[in-house]
């Protein structure tokens, strides 16, 4: 069961349009960007390249509008931060995860009880 979350909800994905969707990986990336102030550091935390992390940020920004703002290096050292919309998307997605856990937790436990060995 390595890699399987105890709540069974690792793959909640909310699709709003062809280009606007969020799932656990994108939410984690947003959360790590908020924590670290860096797309590179957030990607490293997730074991992904800077290019992959940047591509996900670009896709999020294209799908939803600006969720992550970046600043170039130089005297300010560069960095990234969530916009108010980015904070709201992350907050609402995490709330949906919690509501889903509460709604299906009993059924997930029952299904786990049916697993062999």
PDB file of N, CA and C in Angstrom:
ATOM      1  N   UNK A   1       0.810  -1.208   0.000  1.00  0.00           N
ATOM      2  CA  UNK A   1       0.000   0.000   0.000  1.00  0.00           C
ATOM      3  C   UNK A   1       0.844   1.258   0.000  1.00  0.00           C
ATOM      4  N   UNK A   2       2.109   1.119  -0.292  1.00  0.00           N
ATOM      5  CA  UNK A   2       2.996   2.264  -0.307  1.00  0.00           C
ATOM      6  C   UNK A   2       2.469   3.323  -1.275  1.00  0.00           C
ATOM      7  N   UNK A   3       2.384   4.571  -0.819  1.00  0.00           N
ATOM      8  CA  UNK A   3       1.924   5.647  -1.680  1.00  0.00           C
ATOM      9  C   UNK A   3       0.418   5.837  -1.695  1.00  0.00           C
ATOM     10  N   UNK A   4      -0.326   4.975  -0.991  1.00  0.00           N
ATOM     11  CA  UNK A   4      -1.779   5.110  -0.952  1.00  0.00           C
ATOM     12  C   UNK A   4      -2.146   5.865   0.317  1.00  0.00           C
ATOM     13  N   UNK A   5      -2.842   6.983   0.188  1.00  0.00           N
ATOM     14  CA  UNK A   5      -3.190   7.751   1.376  1.00  0.00           C
ATOM     15  C   UNK A   5      -4.223   7.006   2.223  1.00  0.00           C
ATOM     16  N   UNK A   6      -4.181   7.167   3.527  1.00  0.00           N
ATOM     17  CA  UNK A   6      -5.109   6.455   4.395  1.00  0.00           C
ATOM     18  C   UNK A   6      -6.568   6.838   4.166  1.00  0.00           C
ATOM     19  N   UNK A   7      -6.808   8.037   3.638  1.00  0.00           N
ATOM     20  CA  UNK A   7      -8.193   8.456   3.422  1.00  0.00           C
ATOM     21  C   UNK A   7      -8.713   8.103   2.034  1.00  0.00           C
ATOM     22  N   UNK A   8      -7.857   7.588   1.159  1.00  0.00           N
ATOM     23  CA  UNK A   8      -8.291   7.190  -0.180  1.00  0.00           C
ATOM     24  C   UNK A   8      -8.580   8.338  -1.122  1.00  0.00           C
ATOM     25  N   UNK A   9      -8.134   9.541  -0.808  1.00  0.00           N
ATOM     26  CA  UNK A   9      -8.508  10.713  -1.605  1.00  0.00           C
ATOM     27  C   UNK A   9      -7.356  11.382  -2.321  1.00  0.00           C
ATOM     28  N   UNK A  10      -6.395  10.638  -2.744  1.00  0.00           N
ATOM     29  CA  UNK A  10      -5.239  11.270  -3.359  1.00  0.00           C
ATOM     30  C   UNK A  10      -5.532  11.883  -4.722  1.00  0.00           C
ATOM     31  N   UNK A  11      -6.642  11.546  -5.320  1.00  0.00           N
ATOM     32  CA  UNK A  11      -6.860  11.971  -6.694  1.00  0.00           C
ATOM     33  C   UNK A  11      -8.115  12.813  -6.914  1.00  0.00           C
ATOM     34  N   UNK A  12      -8.536  13.571  -5.922  1.00  0.00           N
ATOM     35  CA  UNK A  12      -9.670  14.465  -6.127  1.00  0.00           C
ATOM     36  C   UNK A  12      -9.254  15.530  -7.126  1.00  0.00           C
ATOM     37  N   UNK A  13      -9.907  15.548  -8.250  1.00  0.00           N
ATOM     38  CA  UNK A  13      -9.608  16.523  -9.297  1.00  0.00           C
ATOM     39  C   UNK A  13     -10.894  17.249  -9.642  1.00  0.00           C
ATOM     40  N   UNK A  14     -10.824  18.557  -9.645  1.00  0.00           N
ATOM     41  CA  UNK A  14     -11.981  19.393  -9.949  1.00  0.00           C
ATOM     42  C   UNK A  14     -11.720  20.067 -11.289  1.00  0.00           C
ATOM     43  N   UNK A  15     -12.554  19.735 -12.270  1.00  0.00           N
ATOM     44  CA  UNK A  15     -12.405  20.273 -13.618  1.00  0.00           C
ATOM     45  C   UNK A  15     -13.512  21.281 -13.864  1.00  0.00           C
ATOM     46  N   UNK A  16     -13.116  22.505 -14.122  1.00  0.00           N
ATOM     47  CA  UNK A  16     -14.073  23.587 -14.349  1.00  0.00           C
ATOM     48  C   UNK A  16     -14.233  23.917 -15.824  1.00  0.00           C
ATOM     49  N   UNK A  17     -13.193  23.664 -16.591  1.00  0.00           N
ATOM     50  CA  UNK A  17     -13.231  23.845 -18.034  1.00  0.00           C
ATOM     51  C   UNK A  17     -12.082  23.025 -18.604  1.00  0.00           C
ATOM     52  N   UNK A  18     -11.941  23.046 -19.901  1.00  0.00           N
ATOM     53  CA  UNK A  18     -10.863  22.287 -20.533  1.00  0.00           C
ATOM     54  C   UNK A  18      -9.491  22.719 -20.020  1.00  0.00           C
ATOM     55  N   UNK A  19      -9.354  23.989 -19.706  1.00  0.00           N
ATOM     56  CA  UNK A  19      -8.059  24.529 -19.280  1.00  0.00           C
ATOM     57  C   UNK A  19      -7.957  24.834 -17.789  1.00  0.00           C
ATOM     58  N   UNK A  20      -9.063  24.798 -17.080  1.00  0.00           N
ATOM     59  CA  UNK A  20      -9.045  25.160 -15.657  1.00  0.00           C
ATOM     60  C   UNK A  20      -9.437  23.961 -14.811  1.00  0.00           C
ATOM     61  N   UNK A  21      -8.421  23.357 -14.198  1.00  0.00           N
ATOM     62  CA  UNK A  21      -8.683  22.263 -13.267  1.00  0.00           C
ATOM     63  C   UNK A  21      -7.613  22.258 -12.189  1.00  0.00           C
ATOM     64  N   UNK A  22      -7.962  21.658 -11.070  1.00  0.00           N
ATOM     65  CA  UNK A  22      -7.017  21.551  -9.975  1.00  0.00           C
ATOM     66  C   UNK A  22      -7.167  20.183  -9.326  1.00  0.00           C
ATOM     67  N   UNK A  23      -6.040  19.629  -9.000  1.00  0.00           N
ATOM     68  CA  UNK A  23      -5.980  18.347  -8.327  1.00  0.00           C
ATOM     69  C   UNK A  23      -4.936  18.414  -7.238  1.00  0.00           C
ATOM     70  N   UNK A  24      -4.612  17.287  -6.642  1.00  0.00           N
ATOM     71  CA  UNK A  24      -3.694  17.300  -5.496  1.00  0.00           C
ATOM     72  C   UNK A  24      -2.297  17.819  -5.822  1.00  0.00           C
ATOM     73  N   UNK A  25      -1.765  17.496  -6.975  1.00  0.00           N
ATOM     74  CA  UNK A  25      -0.426  17.960  -7.324  1.00  0.00           C
ATOM     75  C   UNK A  25      -0.375  19.463  -7.512  1.00  0.00           C
ATOM     76  N   UNK A  26      -1.338  19.987  -8.222  1.00  0.00           N
ATOM     77  CA  UNK A  26      -1.373  21.435  -8.449  1.00  0.00           C
ATOM     78  C   UNK A  26      -1.617  22.182  -7.145  1.00  0.00           C
ATOM     79  N   UNK A  27      -2.493  21.617  -6.299  1.00  0.00           N
ATOM     80  CA  UNK A  27      -2.753  22.252  -4.999  1.00  0.00           C
ATOM     81  C   UNK A  27      -1.498  22.231  -4.133  1.00  0.00           C
ATOM     82  N   UNK A  28      -0.799  21.095  -4.110  1.00  0.00           N
ATOM     83  CA  UNK A  28       0.435  21.020  -3.327  1.00  0.00           C
ATOM     84  C   UNK A  28       1.455  22.033  -3.839  1.00  0.00           C
ATOM     85  N   UNK A  29       1.563  22.162  -5.162  1.00  0.00           N
ATOM     86  CA  UNK A  29       2.504  23.127  -5.731  1.00  0.00           C
ATOM     87  C   UNK A  29       2.154  24.544  -5.275  1.00  0.00           C
ATOM     88  N   UNK A  30       0.874  24.911  -5.344  1.00  0.00           N
ATOM     89  CA  UNK A  30       0.463  26.237  -4.879  1.00  0.00           C
ATOM     90  C   UNK A  30       0.808  26.416  -3.405  1.00  0.00           C
ATOM     91  N   UNK A  31       0.530  25.405  -2.605  1.00  0.00           N
ATOM     92  CA  UNK A  31       0.810  25.489  -1.171  1.00  0.00           C
ATOM     93  C   UNK A  31       2.310  25.673  -0.908  1.00  0.00           C
ATOM     94  N   UNK A  32       3.139  24.920  -1.612  1.00  0.00           N
ATOM     95  CA  UNK A  32       4.580  25.030  -1.415  1.00  0.00           C
ATOM     96  C   UNK A  32       5.123  26.359  -1.928  1.00  0.00           C
ATOM     97  N   UNK A  33       4.538  26.894  -2.991  1.00  0.00           N
ATOM     98  CA  UNK A  33       4.943  28.225  -3.460  1.00  0.00           C
ATOM     99  C   UNK A  33       4.614  29.252  -2.381  1.00  0.00           C
ATOM    100  N   UNK A  34       3.427  29.140  -1.792  1.00  0.00           N
ATOM    101  CA  UNK A  34       3.040  30.067  -0.724  1.00  0.00           C
ATOM    102  C   UNK A  34       3.999  29.960   0.457  1.00  0.00           C
ATOM    103  N   UNK A  35       4.424  28.738   0.779  1.00  0.00           N
ATOM    104  CA  UNK A  35       5.312  28.530   1.925  1.00  0.00           C
ATOM    105  C   UNK A  35       6.744  28.988   1.656  1.00  0.00           C
ATOM    106  N   UNK A  36       7.240  28.735   0.445  1.00  0.00           N
ATOM    107  CA  UNK A  36       8.657  28.986   0.161  1.00  0.00           C
ATOM    108  C   UNK A  36       8.924  30.296  -0.564  1.00  0.00           C
ATOM    109  N   UNK A  37       7.913  30.835  -1.238  1.00  0.00           N
ATOM    110  CA  UNK A  37       8.121  32.037  -2.041  1.00  0.00           C
ATOM    111  C   UNK A  37       8.925  31.765  -3.297  1.00  0.00           C
ATOM    112  N   UNK A  38       8.944  30.487  -3.727  1.00  0.00           N
ATOM    113  CA  UNK A  38       9.783  30.115  -4.856  1.00  0.00           C
ATOM    114  C   UNK A  38       9.183  28.950  -5.632  1.00  0.00           C
ATOM    115  N   UNK A  39       9.094  29.095  -6.955  1.00  0.00           N
ATOM    116  CA  UNK A  39       8.634  27.996  -7.797  1.00  0.00           C
ATOM    117  C   UNK A  39       9.671  26.879  -7.781  1.00  0.00           C
ATOM    118  N   UNK A  40      10.938  27.240  -7.835  1.00  0.00           N
ATOM    119  CA  UNK A  40      12.009  26.249  -7.828  1.00  0.00           C
ATOM    120  C   UNK A  40      12.003  25.425  -6.540  1.00  0.00           C
ATOM    121  N   UNK A  41      11.920  26.095  -5.398  1.00  0.00           N
ATOM    122  CA  UNK A  41      11.918  25.391  -4.110  1.00  0.00           C
ATOM    123  C   UNK A  41      10.666  24.526  -3.966  1.00  0.00           C
ATOM    124  N   UNK A  42       9.540  25.027  -4.439  1.00  0.00           N
ATOM    125  CA  UNK A  42       8.299  24.246  -4.373  1.00  0.00           C
ATOM    126  C   UNK A  42       8.427  22.983  -5.222  1.00  0.00           C
ATOM    127  N   UNK A  43       8.970  23.136  -6.429  1.00  0.00           N
ATOM    128  CA  UNK A  43       9.171  21.986  -7.298  1.00  0.00           C
ATOM    129  C   UNK A  43      10.119  20.971  -6.683  1.00  0.00           C
ATOM    130  N   UNK A  44      11.198  21.447  -6.078  1.00  0.00           N
ATOM    131  CA  UNK A  44      12.154  20.546  -5.440  1.00  0.00           C
ATOM    132  C   UNK A  44      11.497  19.748  -4.323  1.00  0.00           C
ATOM    133  N   UNK A  45      10.646  20.404  -3.553  1.00  0.00           N
ATOM    134  CA  UNK A  45       9.929  19.709  -2.478  1.00  0.00           C
ATOM    135  C   UNK A  45       9.089  18.561  -3.020  1.00  0.00           C
ATOM    136  N   UNK A  46       8.634  18.743  -4.250  1.00  0.00           N
ATOM    137  CA  UNK A  46       7.766  17.733  -4.865  1.00  0.00           C
ATOM    138  C   UNK A  46       8.549  16.758  -5.737  1.00  0.00           C
ATOM    139  N   UNK A  47       9.868  16.943  -5.808  1.00  0.00           N
ATOM    140  CA  UNK A  47      10.684  16.051  -6.611  1.00  0.00           C
ATOM    141  C   UNK A  47      10.542  16.279  -8.103  1.00  0.00           C
ATOM    142  N   UNK A  48      10.246  17.505  -8.489  1.00  0.00           N
ATOM    143  CA  UNK A  48      10.105  17.807  -9.917  1.00  0.00           C
ATOM    144  C   UNK A  48      11.079  18.899 -10.326  1.00  0.00           C
ATOM    145  N   UNK A  49      11.336  18.957 -11.606  1.00  0.00           N
ATOM    146  CA  UNK A  49      12.243  19.961 -12.136  1.00  0.00           C
ATOM    147  C   UNK A  49      11.591  21.342 -12.089  1.00  0.00           C
ATOM    148  N   UNK A  50      12.432  22.360 -12.161  1.00  0.00           N
ATOM    149  CA  UNK A  50      11.933  23.728 -12.231  1.00  0.00           C
ATOM    150  C   UNK A  50      11.035  23.892 -13.457  1.00  0.00           C
ATOM    151  N   UNK A  51      11.445  23.314 -14.586  1.00  0.00           N
ATOM    152  CA  UNK A  51      10.651  23.440 -15.811  1.00  0.00           C
ATOM    153  C   UNK A  51       9.259  22.854 -15.621  1.00  0.00           C
ATOM    154  N   UNK A  52       9.175  21.672 -15.006  1.00  0.00           N
ATOM    155  CA  UNK A  52       7.868  21.052 -14.775  1.00  0.00           C
ATOM    156  C   UNK A  52       7.026  21.920 -13.849  1.00  0.00           C
ATOM    157  N   UNK A  53       7.621  22.419 -12.781  1.00  0.00           N
ATOM    158  CA  UNK A  53       6.892  23.278 -11.851  1.00  0.00           C
ATOM    159  C   UNK A  53       6.425  24.554 -12.556  1.00  0.00           C
ATOM    160  N   UNK A  54       7.310  25.163 -13.345  1.00  0.00           N
ATOM    161  CA  UNK A  54       6.951  26.381 -14.067  1.00  0.00           C
ATOM    162  C   UNK A  54       5.829  26.097 -15.066  1.00  0.00           C
ATOM    163  N   UNK A  55       5.888  24.962 -15.765  1.00  0.00           N
ATOM    164  CA  UNK A  55       4.832  24.603 -16.716  1.00  0.00           C
ATOM    165  C   UNK A  55       3.480  24.458 -16.012  1.00  0.00           C
ATOM    166  N   UNK A  56       3.478  23.890 -14.811  1.00  0.00           N
ATOM    167  CA  UNK A  56       2.223  23.766 -14.054  1.00  0.00           C
ATOM    168  C   UNK A  56       1.705  25.130 -13.623  1.00  0.00           C
ATOM    169  N   UNK A  57       2.600  26.004 -13.179  1.00  0.00           N
ATOM    170  CA  UNK A  57       2.192  27.363 -12.803  1.00  0.00           C
ATOM    171  C   UNK A  57       1.612  28.084 -14.014  1.00  0.00           C
ATOM    172  N   UNK A  58       2.275  27.949 -15.140  1.00  0.00           N
ATOM    173  CA  UNK A  58       1.796  28.581 -16.372  1.00  0.00           C
ATOM    174  C   UNK A  58       0.405  28.062 -16.736  1.00  0.00           C
ATOM    175  N   UNK A  59       0.199  26.760 -16.631  1.00  0.00           N
ATOM    176  CA  UNK A  59      -1.103  26.165 -16.942  1.00  0.00           C
ATOM    177  C   UNK A  59      -2.172  26.662 -15.963  1.00  0.00           C
ATOM    178  N   UNK A  60      -1.836  26.749 -14.693  1.00  0.00           N
ATOM    179  CA  UNK A  60      -2.792  27.274 -13.709  1.00  0.00           C
ATOM    180  C   UNK A  60      -3.156  28.718 -14.023  1.00  0.00           C
ATOM    181  N   UNK A  61      -2.142  29.536 -14.323  1.00  0.00           N
ATOM    182  CA  UNK A  61      -2.386  30.942 -14.628  1.00  0.00           C
ATOM    183  C   UNK A  61      -3.194  31.110 -15.916  1.00  0.00           C
ATOM    184  N   UNK A  62      -2.960  30.257 -16.895  1.00  0.00           N
ATOM    185  CA  UNK A  62      -3.723  30.340 -18.146  1.00  0.00           C
ATOM    186  C   UNK A  62      -5.155  29.869 -17.951  1.00  0.00           C
ATOM    187  N   UNK A  63      -5.357  28.875 -17.123  1.00  0.00           N
ATOM    188  CA  UNK A  63      -6.694  28.328 -16.913  1.00  0.00           C
ATOM    189  C   UNK A  63      -7.576  29.176 -16.018  1.00  0.00           C
ATOM    190  N   UNK A  64      -7.002  29.695 -14.944  1.00  0.00           N
ATOM    191  CA  UNK A  64      -7.782  30.422 -13.943  1.00  0.00           C
ATOM    192  C   UNK A  64      -7.605  31.929 -14.015  1.00  0.00           C
ATOM    193  N   UNK A  65      -6.570  32.400 -14.669  1.00  0.00           N
ATOM    194  CA  UNK A  65      -6.144  33.781 -14.513  1.00  0.00           C
ATOM    195  C   UNK A  65      -4.994  33.750 -13.531  1.00  0.00           C
ATOM    196  N   UNK A  66      -4.395  34.873 -13.226  1.00  0.00           N
ATOM    197  CA  UNK A  66      -3.187  34.850 -12.404  1.00  0.00           C
ATOM    198  C   UNK A  66      -3.426  34.297 -10.993  1.00  0.00           C
ATOM    199  N   UNK A  67      -2.833  33.137 -10.722  1.00  0.00           N
ATOM    200  CA  UNK A  67      -2.866  32.552  -9.384  1.00  0.00           C
ATOM    201  C   UNK A  67      -1.508  32.711  -8.706  1.00  0.00           C
ATOM    202  N   UNK A  68      -0.442  32.783  -9.531  1.00  0.00           N
ATOM    203  CA  UNK A  68       0.917  32.942  -9.022  1.00  0.00           C
ATOM    204  C   UNK A  68       1.546  34.124  -9.744  1.00  0.00           C
ATOM    205  N   UNK A  69       2.118  35.032  -8.969  1.00  0.00           N
ATOM    206  CA  UNK A  69       2.867  36.158  -9.533  1.00  0.00           C
ATOM    207  C   UNK A  69       4.341  35.913  -9.271  1.00  0.00           C
ATOM    208  N   UNK A  70       5.164  36.282 -10.229  1.00  0.00           N
ATOM    209  CA  UNK A  70       6.604  36.111 -10.072  1.00  0.00           C
ATOM    210  C   UNK A  70       7.289  37.459 -10.201  1.00  0.00           C
ATOM    211  N   UNK A  71       8.468  37.538  -9.610  1.00  0.00           N
ATOM    212  CA  UNK A  71       9.313  38.716  -9.791  1.00  0.00           C
ATOM    213  C   UNK A  71      10.708  38.226 -10.142  1.00  0.00           C
ATOM    214  N   UNK A  72      11.353  38.968 -10.993  1.00  0.00           N
ATOM    215  CA  UNK A  72      12.705  38.595 -11.447  1.00  0.00           C
ATOM    216  C   UNK A  72      13.708  38.797 -10.331  1.00  0.00           C
ATOM    217  N   UNK A  73      14.866  38.210 -10.538  1.00  0.00           N
ATOM    218  CA  UNK A  73      15.970  38.356  -9.584  1.00  0.00           C
ATOM    219  C   UNK A  73      16.479  39.768  -9.525  1.00  0.00           C
ATOM    220  N   UNK A  74      17.673  39.921  -9.092  1.00  0.00           N
ATOM    221  CA  UNK A  74      18.246  41.255  -8.942  1.00  0.00           C
ATOM    222  C   UNK A  74      18.247  41.640  -7.482  1.00  0.00           C
ATOM    223  N   UNK A  75      18.031  42.907  -7.209  1.00  0.00           N
ATOM    224  CA  UNK A  75      18.114  43.384  -5.826  1.00  0.00           C
ATOM    225  C   UNK A  75      17.039  42.763  -4.937  1.00  0.00           C
ATOM    226  N   UNK A  76      15.908  42.393  -5.534  1.00  0.00           N
ATOM    227  CA  UNK A  76      14.835  41.792  -4.731  1.00  0.00           C
ATOM    228  C   UNK A  76      14.945  40.274  -4.665  1.00  0.00           C
ATOM    229  N   UNK A  77      15.937  39.683  -5.309  1.00  0.00           N
ATOM    230  CA  UNK A  77      16.183  38.250  -5.279  1.00  0.00           C
ATOM    231  C   UNK A  77      15.142  37.408  -6.019  1.00  0.00           C
ATOM    232  N   UNK A  78      14.167  38.004  -6.650  1.00  0.00           N
ATOM    233  CA  UNK A  78      13.158  37.237  -7.370  1.00  0.00           C
ATOM    234  C   UNK A  78      12.248  36.501  -6.418  1.00  0.00           C
ATOM    235  N   UNK A  79      11.369  35.712  -6.973  1.00  0.00           N
ATOM    236  CA  UNK A  79      10.478  34.928  -6.128  1.00  0.00           C
ATOM    237  C   UNK A  79       9.107  34.776  -6.742  1.00  0.00           C
ATOM    238  N   UNK A  80       8.238  34.156  -5.992  1.00  0.00           N
ATOM    239  CA  UNK A  80       6.872  33.911  -6.442  1.00  0.00           C
ATOM    240  C   UNK A  80       5.952  33.975  -5.237  1.00  0.00           C
ATOM    241  N   UNK A  81       4.720  34.371  -5.505  1.00  0.00           N
ATOM    242  CA  UNK A  81       3.722  34.404  -4.435  1.00  0.00           C
ATOM    243  C   UNK A  81       2.349  34.153  -5.033  1.00  0.00           C
ATOM    244  N   UNK A  82       1.444  33.667  -4.194  1.00  0.00           N
ATOM    245  CA  UNK A  82       0.074  33.474  -4.654  1.00  0.00           C
ATOM    246  C   UNK A  82      -0.635  34.811  -4.671  1.00  0.00           C
ATOM    247  N   UNK A  83      -1.448  35.010  -5.697  1.00  0.00           N
ATOM    248  CA  UNK A  83      -2.317  36.170  -5.746  1.00  0.00           C
ATOM    249  C   UNK A  83      -3.493  35.897  -4.804  1.00  0.00           C
ATOM    250  N   UNK A  84      -4.318  36.894  -4.534  1.00  0.00           N
ATOM    251  CA  UNK A  84      -5.520  36.615  -3.750  1.00  0.00           C
ATOM    252  C   UNK A  84      -6.378  35.512  -4.397  1.00  0.00           C
ATOM    253  N   UNK A  85      -6.459  35.497  -5.727  1.00  0.00           N
ATOM    254  CA  UNK A  85      -7.205  34.437  -6.402  1.00  0.00           C
ATOM    255  C   UNK A  85      -6.536  33.081  -6.183  1.00  0.00           C
ATOM    256  N   UNK A  86      -5.216  33.042  -6.195  1.00  0.00           N
ATOM    257  CA  UNK A  86      -4.488  31.805  -5.933  1.00  0.00           C
ATOM    258  C   UNK A  86      -4.746  31.289  -4.530  1.00  0.00           C
ATOM    259  N   UNK A  87      -4.750  32.192  -3.565  1.00  0.00           N
ATOM    260  CA  UNK A  87      -5.059  31.815  -2.188  1.00  0.00           C
ATOM    261  C   UNK A  87      -6.478  31.255  -2.080  1.00  0.00           C
ATOM    262  N   UNK A  88      -7.402  31.879  -2.784  1.00  0.00           N
ATOM    263  CA  UNK A  88      -8.804  31.440  -2.742  1.00  0.00           C
ATOM    264  C   UNK A  88      -8.986  30.082  -3.412  1.00  0.00           C
ATOM    265  N   UNK A  89      -8.353  29.879  -4.562  1.00  0.00           N
ATOM    266  CA  UNK A  89      -8.444  28.583  -5.242  1.00  0.00           C
ATOM    267  C   UNK A  89      -7.891  27.483  -4.329  1.00  0.00           C
ATOM    268  N   UNK A  90      -6.747  27.721  -3.725  1.00  0.00           N
ATOM    269  CA  UNK A  90      -6.153  26.732  -2.832  1.00  0.00           C
ATOM    270  C   UNK A  90      -7.048  26.479  -1.624  1.00  0.00           C
ATOM    271  N   UNK A  91      -7.556  27.526  -1.021  1.00  0.00           N
ATOM    272  CA  UNK A  91      -8.426  27.386   0.156  1.00  0.00           C
ATOM    273  C   UNK A  91      -9.672  26.577  -0.174  1.00  0.00           C
ATOM    274  N   UNK A  92     -10.296  26.897  -1.291  1.00  0.00           N
ATOM    275  CA  UNK A  92     -11.530  26.190  -1.661  1.00  0.00           C
ATOM    276  C   UNK A  92     -11.255  24.736  -2.038  1.00  0.00           C
ATOM    277  N   UNK A  93     -10.155  24.480  -2.724  1.00  0.00           N
ATOM    278  CA  UNK A  93      -9.828  23.097  -3.072  1.00  0.00           C
ATOM    279  C   UNK A  93      -9.592  22.277  -1.806  1.00  0.00           C
ATOM    280  N   UNK A  94      -8.835  22.814  -0.861  1.00  0.00           N
ATOM    281  CA  UNK A  94      -8.594  22.091   0.393  1.00  0.00           C
ATOM    282  C   UNK A  94      -9.908  21.863   1.144  1.00  0.00           C
ATOM    283  N   UNK A  95     -10.802  22.826   1.107  1.00  0.00           N
ATOM    284  CA  UNK A  95     -12.112  22.655   1.746  1.00  0.00           C
ATOM    285  C   UNK A  95     -12.904  21.538   1.061  1.00  0.00           C
ATOM    286  N   UNK A  96     -12.831  21.457  -0.269  1.00  0.00           N
ATOM    287  CA  UNK A  96     -13.515  20.381  -0.991  1.00  0.00           C
ATOM    288  C   UNK A  96     -12.936  19.021  -0.617  1.00  0.00           C
ATOM    289  N   UNK A  97     -11.612  18.958  -0.449  1.00  0.00           N
ATOM    290  CA  UNK A  97     -10.993  17.705  -0.026  1.00  0.00           C
ATOM    291  C   UNK A  97     -11.549  17.271   1.333  1.00  0.00           C
ATOM    292  N   UNK A  98     -11.621  18.203   2.266  1.00  0.00           N
ATOM    293  CA  UNK A  98     -12.125  17.869   3.601  1.00  0.00           C
ATOM    294  C   UNK A  98     -13.585  17.436   3.567  1.00  0.00           C
ATOM    295  N   UNK A  99     -14.400  18.137   2.793  1.00  0.00           N
ATOM    296  CA  UNK A  99     -15.818  17.764   2.680  1.00  0.00           C
ATOM    297  C   UNK A  99     -15.970  16.387   2.049  1.00  0.00           C
ATOM    298  N   UNK A 100     -15.138  16.103   1.070  1.00  0.00           N
ATOM    299  CA  UNK A 100     -15.190  14.797   0.414  1.00  0.00           C
ATOM    300  C   UNK A 100     -14.786  13.707   1.390  1.00  0.00           C
ATOM    301  N   UNK A 101     -13.733  13.944   2.154  1.00  0.00           N
ATOM    302  CA  UNK A 101     -13.305  12.964   3.164  1.00  0.00           C
ATOM    303  C   UNK A 101     -14.444  12.661   4.126  1.00  0.00           C
ATOM    304  N   UNK A 102     -15.107  13.706   4.605  1.00  0.00           N
ATOM    305  CA  UNK A 102     -16.200  13.516   5.555  1.00  0.00           C
ATOM    306  C   UNK A 102     -17.365  12.757   4.916  1.00  0.00           C
ATOM    307  N   UNK A 103     -17.636  13.053   3.657  1.00  0.00           N
ATOM    308  CA  UNK A 103     -18.782  12.440   2.983  1.00  0.00           C
ATOM    309  C   UNK A 103     -18.566  10.967   2.649  1.00  0.00           C
ATOM    310  N   UNK A 104     -17.325  10.584   2.313  1.00  0.00           N
ATOM    311  CA  UNK A 104     -17.119   9.215   1.856  1.00  0.00           C
ATOM    312  C   UNK A 104     -16.263   8.365   2.786  1.00  0.00           C
ATOM    313  N   UNK A 105     -15.829   8.923   3.900  1.00  0.00           N
ATOM    314  CA  UNK A 105     -14.932   8.212   4.803  1.00  0.00           C
ATOM    315  C   UNK A 105     -15.450   6.848   5.229  1.00  0.00           C
ATOM    316  N   UNK A 106     -16.701   6.758   5.581  1.00  0.00           N
ATOM    317  CA  UNK A 106     -17.288   5.487   6.026  1.00  0.00           C
ATOM    318  C   UNK A 106     -17.261   4.453   4.903  1.00  0.00           C
ATOM    319  N   UNK A 107     -17.589   4.884   3.696  1.00  0.00           N
ATOM    320  CA  UNK A 107     -17.585   3.962   2.558  1.00  0.00           C
ATOM    321  C   UNK A 107     -16.174   3.518   2.200  1.00  0.00           C
ATOM    322  N   UNK A 108     -15.208   4.420   2.280  1.00  0.00           N
ATOM    323  CA  UNK A 108     -13.819   4.048   2.012  1.00  0.00           C
ATOM    324  C   UNK A 108     -13.362   3.010   3.028  1.00  0.00           C
ATOM    325  N   UNK A 109     -13.698   3.212   4.288  1.00  0.00           N
ATOM    326  CA  UNK A 109     -13.319   2.246   5.333  1.00  0.00           C
ATOM    327  C   UNK A 109     -13.964   0.893   5.053  1.00  0.00           C
ATOM    328  N   UNK A 110     -15.228   0.880   4.624  1.00  0.00           N
ATOM    329  CA  UNK A 110     -15.919  -0.380   4.326  1.00  0.00           C
ATOM    330  C   UNK A 110     -15.241  -1.086   3.152  1.00  0.00           C
ATOM    331  N   UNK A 111     -14.879  -0.348   2.127  1.00  0.00           N
ATOM    332  CA  UNK A 111     -14.188  -0.957   0.984  1.00  0.00           C
ATOM    333  C   UNK A 111     -12.823  -1.505   1.395  1.00  0.00           C
ATOM    334  N   UNK A 112     -12.114  -0.765   2.238  1.00  0.00           N
ATOM    335  CA  UNK A 112     -10.821  -1.268   2.703  1.00  0.00           C
ATOM    336  C   UNK A 112     -10.981  -2.581   3.468  1.00  0.00           C
ATOM    337  N   UNK A 113     -12.101  -2.702   4.195  1.00  0.00           N
ATOM    338  CA  UNK A 113     -12.372  -3.943   4.911  1.00  0.00           C
ATOM    339  C   UNK A 113     -12.590  -5.134   4.007  1.00  0.00           C
ATOM    340  N   UNK A 114     -12.902  -4.886   2.745  1.00  0.00           N
ATOM    341  CA  UNK A 114     -13.125  -5.963   1.779  1.00  0.00           C
ATOM    342  C   UNK A 114     -11.856  -6.370   1.040  1.00  0.00           C
ATOM    343  N   UNK A 115     -10.765  -5.633   1.251  1.00  0.00           N
ATOM    344  CA  UNK A 115      -9.511  -5.946   0.560  1.00  0.00           C
ATOM    345  C   UNK A 115      -8.948  -7.276   1.049  1.00  0.00           C
ATOM    346  N   UNK A 116      -8.337  -7.984   0.154  1.00  0.00           N
ATOM    347  CA  UNK A 116      -7.655  -9.236   0.529  1.00  0.00           C
ATOM    348  C   UNK A 116      -6.309  -8.909   1.138  1.00  0.00           C
ATOM    349  N   UNK A 117      -5.947  -9.693   2.145  1.00  0.00           N
ATOM    350  CA  UNK A 117      -4.634  -9.674   2.762  1.00  0.00           C
ATOM    351  C   UNK A 117      -4.137  -8.363   3.110  1.00  0.00           C
TER     352      UNK A 117
END
